[in-house]
Amino acid sequence: MNYGQYYYHYVPSYDDVYRLLPDAPIIDDIQKAINGEYQAIVCYEQLARIAPAREERNIILEIRNDERRHLEEFSKIYAKLSGRQPTYANPKQCPDHYVTALEWAFKDEQETVDFYLDIADKAKDPFIKERFRRAAADEQNHAVWFLSFLQKIRR
């Protein structure tokens, strides 16, 4: 009788291996990034509604779509690393005056650039590094748009 024929040999799946990668220390940072993206989506919806011109409104909605893409990508990365779905914190109150909201958005985008670059530097997985570097570039672009809207108002 061959007892080996009934021996169960465990072979880890890609998901199991992926969760064991050395990127576990950045899980909390990724959760924080997810909450930030969710906050931005909510606030940019509101900002688009109060934008004084259609061109600005359309650009803000494009920025919001970038934030949605980041949220989706970061949520997938989080789920792969942690083995669970991320949570989405209730967003804080968004500024309701257009200029104040633009100033808030500009500052938030600039701070986010540095945060995402820090995550990219800590990440070991090349895919995670690339996603956060790309998101940092998007955030810098968003900051430039918000700054241009502020400059236009201040002329």
C-alpha atoms as a PDB file:
ATOM      1  CA  MET A   1       0.000   0.000   0.000  1.00  0.00           C
ATOM      2  CA  ASN A   2       1.320   3.435  -0.921  1.00  0.00           C
ATOM      3  CA  TYR A   3       0.526   5.840   1.920  1.00  0.00           C
ATOM      4  CA  GLY A   4       2.114   8.719   0.022  1.00  0.00           C
ATOM      5  CA  GLN A   5      -0.734   8.787  -2.426  1.00  0.00           C
ATOM      6  CA  TYR A   6      -2.971  10.291   0.266  1.00  0.00           C
ATOM      7  CA  TYR A   7      -0.430  12.778   1.548  1.00  0.00           C
ATOM      8  CA  TYR A   8      -1.683  16.311   1.116  1.00  0.00           C
ATOM      9  CA  HIS A   9       1.032  18.593  -0.143  1.00  0.00           C
ATOM     10  CA  TYR A  10       0.274  22.261   0.484  1.00  0.00           C
ATOM     11  CA  VAL A  11       1.405  24.620  -2.228  1.00  0.00           C
ATOM     12  CA  PRO A  12       0.807  28.265  -1.376  1.00  0.00           C
ATOM     13  CA  SER A  13      -1.230  30.270  -3.838  1.00  0.00           C
ATOM     14  CA  TYR A  14      -0.051  33.559  -5.273  1.00  0.00           C
ATOM     15  CA  ASP A  15      -2.263  35.423  -2.797  1.00  0.00           C
ATOM     16  CA  ASP A  16      -0.691  33.606   0.159  1.00  0.00           C
ATOM     17  CA  VAL A  17       2.799  34.423  -1.035  1.00  0.00           C
ATOM     18  CA  TYR A  18       1.875  38.002  -1.822  1.00  0.00           C
ATOM     19  CA  ARG A  19       0.616  38.564   1.739  1.00  0.00           C
ATOM     20  CA  LEU A  20       3.890  37.265   3.111  1.00  0.00           C
ATOM     21  CA  LEU A  21       6.004  39.789   1.226  1.00  0.00           C
ATOM     22  CA  PRO A  22       8.092  42.171   3.297  1.00  0.00           C
ATOM     23  CA  ASP A  23       5.674  45.017   2.579  1.00  0.00           C
ATOM     24  CA  ALA A  24       3.565  44.251   5.649  1.00  0.00           C
ATOM     25  CA  PRO A  25       5.043  47.260   7.540  1.00  0.00           C
ATOM     26  CA  ILE A  26       3.389  49.666   5.098  1.00  0.00           C
ATOM     27  CA  ILE A  27      -0.139  48.294   5.545  1.00  0.00           C
ATOM     28  CA  ASP A  28      -1.079  51.072   8.003  1.00  0.00           C
ATOM     29  CA  ASP A  29       0.281  53.705   5.606  1.00  0.00           C
ATOM     30  CA  ILE A  30      -1.779  52.236   2.782  1.00  0.00           C
ATOM     31  CA  GLN A  31      -4.902  52.336   4.981  1.00  0.00           C
ATOM     32  CA  LYS A  32      -4.151  55.997   5.703  1.00  0.00           C
ATOM     33  CA  ALA A  33      -3.750  56.623   1.952  1.00  0.00           C
ATOM     34  CA  ILE A  34      -7.113  54.941   1.324  1.00  0.00           C
ATOM     35  CA  ASN A  35      -8.803  57.202   3.871  1.00  0.00           C
ATOM     36  CA  GLY A  36      -7.165  60.252   2.297  1.00  0.00           C
ATOM     37  CA  GLU A  37      -8.331  59.286  -1.174  1.00  0.00           C
ATOM     38  CA  TYR A  38     -11.862  58.712   0.094  1.00  0.00           C
ATOM     39  CA  GLN A  39     -11.820  62.138   1.783  1.00  0.00           C
ATOM     40  CA  ALA A  40     -10.581  63.766  -1.429  1.00  0.00           C
ATOM     41  CA  ILE A  41     -13.299  62.126  -3.524  1.00  0.00           C
ATOM     42  CA  VAL A  42     -16.025  63.421  -1.205  1.00  0.00           C
ATOM     43  CA  CYS A  43     -14.565  66.932  -1.021  1.00  0.00           C
ATOM     44  CA  TYR A  44     -13.882  67.229  -4.741  1.00  0.00           C
ATOM     45  CA  GLU A  45     -17.493  66.289  -5.488  1.00  0.00           C
ATOM     46  CA  GLN A  46     -18.522  69.237  -3.330  1.00  0.00           C
ATOM     47  CA  LEU A  47     -15.820  71.492  -4.797  1.00  0.00           C
ATOM     48  CA  ALA A  48     -16.997  70.720  -8.336  1.00  0.00           C
ATOM     49  CA  ARG A  49     -20.557  71.719  -7.397  1.00  0.00           C
ATOM     50  CA  ILE A  50     -19.449  75.155  -6.188  1.00  0.00           C
ATOM     51  CA  ALA A  51     -16.891  75.823  -8.945  1.00  0.00           C
ATOM     52  CA  PRO A  52     -17.721  79.106 -10.702  1.00  0.00           C
ATOM     53  CA  ALA A  53     -16.897  77.956 -14.252  1.00  0.00           C
ATOM     54  CA  ARG A  54     -17.623  74.829 -16.273  1.00  0.00           C
ATOM     55  CA  GLU A  55     -13.955  74.381 -17.247  1.00  0.00           C
ATOM     56  CA  GLU A  56     -12.864  74.350 -13.602  1.00  0.00           C
ATOM     57  CA  ARG A  57     -15.719  72.026 -12.671  1.00  0.00           C
ATOM     58  CA  ASN A  58     -14.685  69.563 -15.413  1.00  0.00           C
ATOM     59  CA  ILE A  59     -11.039  69.588 -14.333  1.00  0.00           C
ATOM     60  CA  ILE A  60     -12.029  69.048 -10.689  1.00  0.00           C
ATOM     61  CA  LEU A  61     -14.194  66.101 -11.759  1.00  0.00           C
ATOM     62  CA  GLU A  62     -11.233  64.659 -13.705  1.00  0.00           C
ATOM     63  CA  ILE A  63      -9.116  65.023 -10.567  1.00  0.00           C
ATOM     64  CA  ARG A  64     -11.851  63.275  -8.579  1.00  0.00           C
ATOM     65  CA  ASN A  65     -11.747  60.424 -11.100  1.00  0.00           C
ATOM     66  CA  ASP A  66      -7.984  60.102 -10.574  1.00  0.00           C
ATOM     67  CA  GLU A  67      -8.638  59.887  -6.834  1.00  0.00           C
ATOM     68  CA  ARG A  68     -11.212  57.141  -7.440  1.00  0.00           C
ATOM     69  CA  ARG A  69      -8.641  55.194  -9.453  1.00  0.00           C
ATOM     70  CA  HIS A  70      -6.076  55.618  -6.650  1.00  0.00           C
ATOM     71  CA  LEU A  71      -8.642  54.443  -4.096  1.00  0.00           C
ATOM     72  CA  GLU A  72      -9.375  51.328  -6.143  1.00  0.00           C
ATOM     73  CA  GLU A  73      -5.685  50.526  -6.694  1.00  0.00           C
ATOM     74  CA  PHE A  74      -4.715  51.111  -3.066  1.00  0.00           C
ATOM     75  CA  SER A  75      -7.677  49.043  -1.851  1.00  0.00           C
ATOM     76  CA  LYS A  76      -6.562  46.098  -4.004  1.00  0.00           C
ATOM     77  CA  ILE A  77      -2.981  46.398  -2.751  1.00  0.00           C
ATOM     78  CA  TYR A  78      -4.201  46.595   0.851  1.00  0.00           C
ATOM     79  CA  ALA A  79      -6.379  43.507   0.410  1.00  0.00           C
ATOM     80  CA  LYS A  80      -3.506  41.541  -1.121  1.00  0.00           C
ATOM     81  CA  LEU A  81      -1.069  42.504   1.638  1.00  0.00           C
ATOM     82  CA  SER A  82      -3.415  42.145   4.593  1.00  0.00           C
ATOM     83  CA  GLY A  83      -5.828  39.463   3.464  1.00  0.00           C
ATOM     84  CA  ARG A  84      -8.786  41.692   4.349  1.00  0.00           C
ATOM     85  CA  GLN A  85     -10.716  44.546   2.819  1.00  0.00           C
ATOM     86  CA  PRO A  86      -9.820  48.096   3.840  1.00  0.00           C
ATOM     87  CA  THR A  87     -12.129  50.247   5.886  1.00  0.00           C
ATOM     88  CA  TYR A  88     -13.281  53.656   4.721  1.00  0.00           C
ATOM     89  CA  ALA A  89     -13.314  56.270   7.451  1.00  0.00           C
ATOM     90  CA  ASN A  90     -16.103  58.807   7.554  1.00  0.00           C
ATOM     91  CA  PRO A  91     -14.800  61.890   5.789  1.00  0.00           C
ATOM     92  CA  LYS A  92     -14.163  65.040   7.749  1.00  0.00           C
ATOM     93  CA  GLN A  93     -16.085  68.196   6.963  1.00  0.00           C
ATOM     94  CA  CYS A  94     -15.016  69.723   3.646  1.00  0.00           C
ATOM     95  CA  PRO A  95     -14.621  73.478   3.311  1.00  0.00           C
ATOM     96  CA  ASP A  96     -17.760  74.945   1.746  1.00  0.00           C
ATOM     97  CA  HIS A  97     -16.326  78.229   0.452  1.00  0.00           C
ATOM     98  CA  TYR A  98     -14.689  77.887  -2.967  1.00  0.00           C
ATOM     99  CA  VAL A  99     -11.404  79.672  -2.212  1.00  0.00           C
ATOM    100  CA  THR A 100     -11.034  77.971   1.175  1.00  0.00           C
ATOM    101  CA  ALA A 101     -11.733  74.613  -0.461  1.00  0.00           C
ATOM    102  CA  LEU A 102      -9.118  75.275  -3.155  1.00  0.00           C
ATOM    103  CA  GLU A 103      -6.545  76.207  -0.511  1.00  0.00           C
ATOM    104  CA  TRP A 104      -7.368  73.054   1.439  1.00  0.00           C
ATOM    105  CA  ALA A 105      -7.147  70.915  -1.716  1.00  0.00           C
ATOM    106  CA  PHE A 106      -3.806  72.445  -2.761  1.00  0.00           C
ATOM    107  CA  LYS A 107      -2.267  71.855   0.669  1.00  0.00           C
ATOM    108  CA  ASP A 108      -3.670  68.330   0.898  1.00  0.00           C
ATOM    109  CA  GLU A 109      -2.354  67.370  -2.541  1.00  0.00           C
ATOM    110  CA  GLN A 110       1.133  68.720  -1.750  1.00  0.00           C
ATOM    111  CA  GLU A 111       1.312  66.827   1.539  1.00  0.00           C
ATOM    112  CA  THR A 112       0.050  63.690  -0.169  1.00  0.00           C
ATOM    113  CA  VAL A 113       2.862  63.816  -2.737  1.00  0.00           C
ATOM    114  CA  ASP A 114       5.459  63.498   0.026  1.00  0.00           C
ATOM    115  CA  PHE A 115       3.474  60.796   1.831  1.00  0.00           C
ATOM    116  CA  TYR A 116       3.131  58.664  -1.323  1.00  0.00           C
ATOM    117  CA  LEU A 117       6.807  59.047  -2.168  1.00  0.00           C
ATOM    118  CA  ASP A 118       7.636  57.878   1.366  1.00  0.00           C
ATOM    119  CA  ILE A 119       5.442  54.798   0.870  1.00  0.00           C
ATOM    120  CA  ALA A 120       7.100  54.114  -2.491  1.00  0.00           C
ATOM    121  CA  ASP A 121      10.529  54.352  -0.847  1.00  0.00           C
ATOM    122  CA  LYS A 122       9.518  51.882   1.899  1.00  0.00           C
ATOM    123  CA  ALA A 123       7.840  49.395  -0.461  1.00  0.00           C
ATOM    124  CA  LYS A 124       9.795  46.339  -1.559  1.00  0.00           C
ATOM    125  CA  ASP A 125       7.433  45.138  -4.266  1.00  0.00           C
ATOM    126  CA  PRO A 126       8.103  46.919  -7.607  1.00  0.00           C
ATOM    127  CA  PHE A 127       4.380  47.054  -8.448  1.00  0.00           C
ATOM    128  CA  ILE A 128       3.566  48.832  -5.177  1.00  0.00           C
ATOM    129  CA  LYS A 129       6.522  51.191  -5.641  1.00  0.00           C
ATOM    130  CA  GLU A 130       5.326  52.094  -9.138  1.00  0.00           C
ATOM    131  CA  ARG A 131       1.667  52.603  -8.146  1.00  0.00           C
ATOM    132  CA  PHE A 132       2.603  55.013  -5.352  1.00  0.00           C
ATOM    133  CA  ARG A 133       5.147  56.883  -7.484  1.00  0.00           C
ATOM    134  CA  ARG A 134       2.526  57.279 -10.201  1.00  0.00           C
ATOM    135  CA  ALA A 135      -0.060  58.423  -7.658  1.00  0.00           C
ATOM    136  CA  ALA A 136       2.455  60.956  -6.284  1.00  0.00           C
ATOM    137  CA  ALA A 137       2.920  62.358  -9.794  1.00  0.00           C
ATOM    138  CA  ASP A 138      -0.865  62.602 -10.203  1.00  0.00           C
ATOM    139  CA  GLU A 139      -1.179  64.393  -6.861  1.00  0.00           C
ATOM    140  CA  GLN A 140       1.496  66.906  -7.888  1.00  0.00           C
ATOM    141  CA  ASN A 141      -0.409  67.552 -11.098  1.00  0.00           C
ATOM    142  CA  HIS A 142      -3.608  68.075  -9.105  1.00  0.00           C
ATOM    143  CA  ALA A 143      -1.826  70.572  -6.835  1.00  0.00           C
ATOM    144  CA  VAL A 144      -0.743  72.554  -9.895  1.00  0.00           C
ATOM    145  CA  TRP A 145      -4.342  72.716 -11.114  1.00  0.00           C
ATOM    146  CA  PHE A 146      -5.628  73.904  -7.747  1.00  0.00           C
ATOM    147  CA  LEU A 147      -2.861  76.493  -7.536  1.00  0.00           C
ATOM    148  CA  SER A 148      -3.729  77.748 -11.022  1.00  0.00           C
ATOM    149  CA  PHE A 149      -7.388  78.160  -9.981  1.00  0.00           C
ATOM    150  CA  LEU A 150      -6.240  80.137  -6.896  1.00  0.00           C
ATOM    151  CA  GLN A 151      -3.972  82.351  -9.006  1.00  0.00           C
ATOM    152  CA  LYS A 152      -6.807  83.030 -11.424  1.00  0.00           C
ATOM    153  CA  ILE A 153      -9.024  84.212  -8.560  1.00  0.00           C
ATOM    154  CA  ARG A 154      -6.324  86.411  -7.054  1.00  0.00           C
ATOM    155  CA  ARG A 155      -5.597  88.354 -10.235  1.00  0.00           C
END
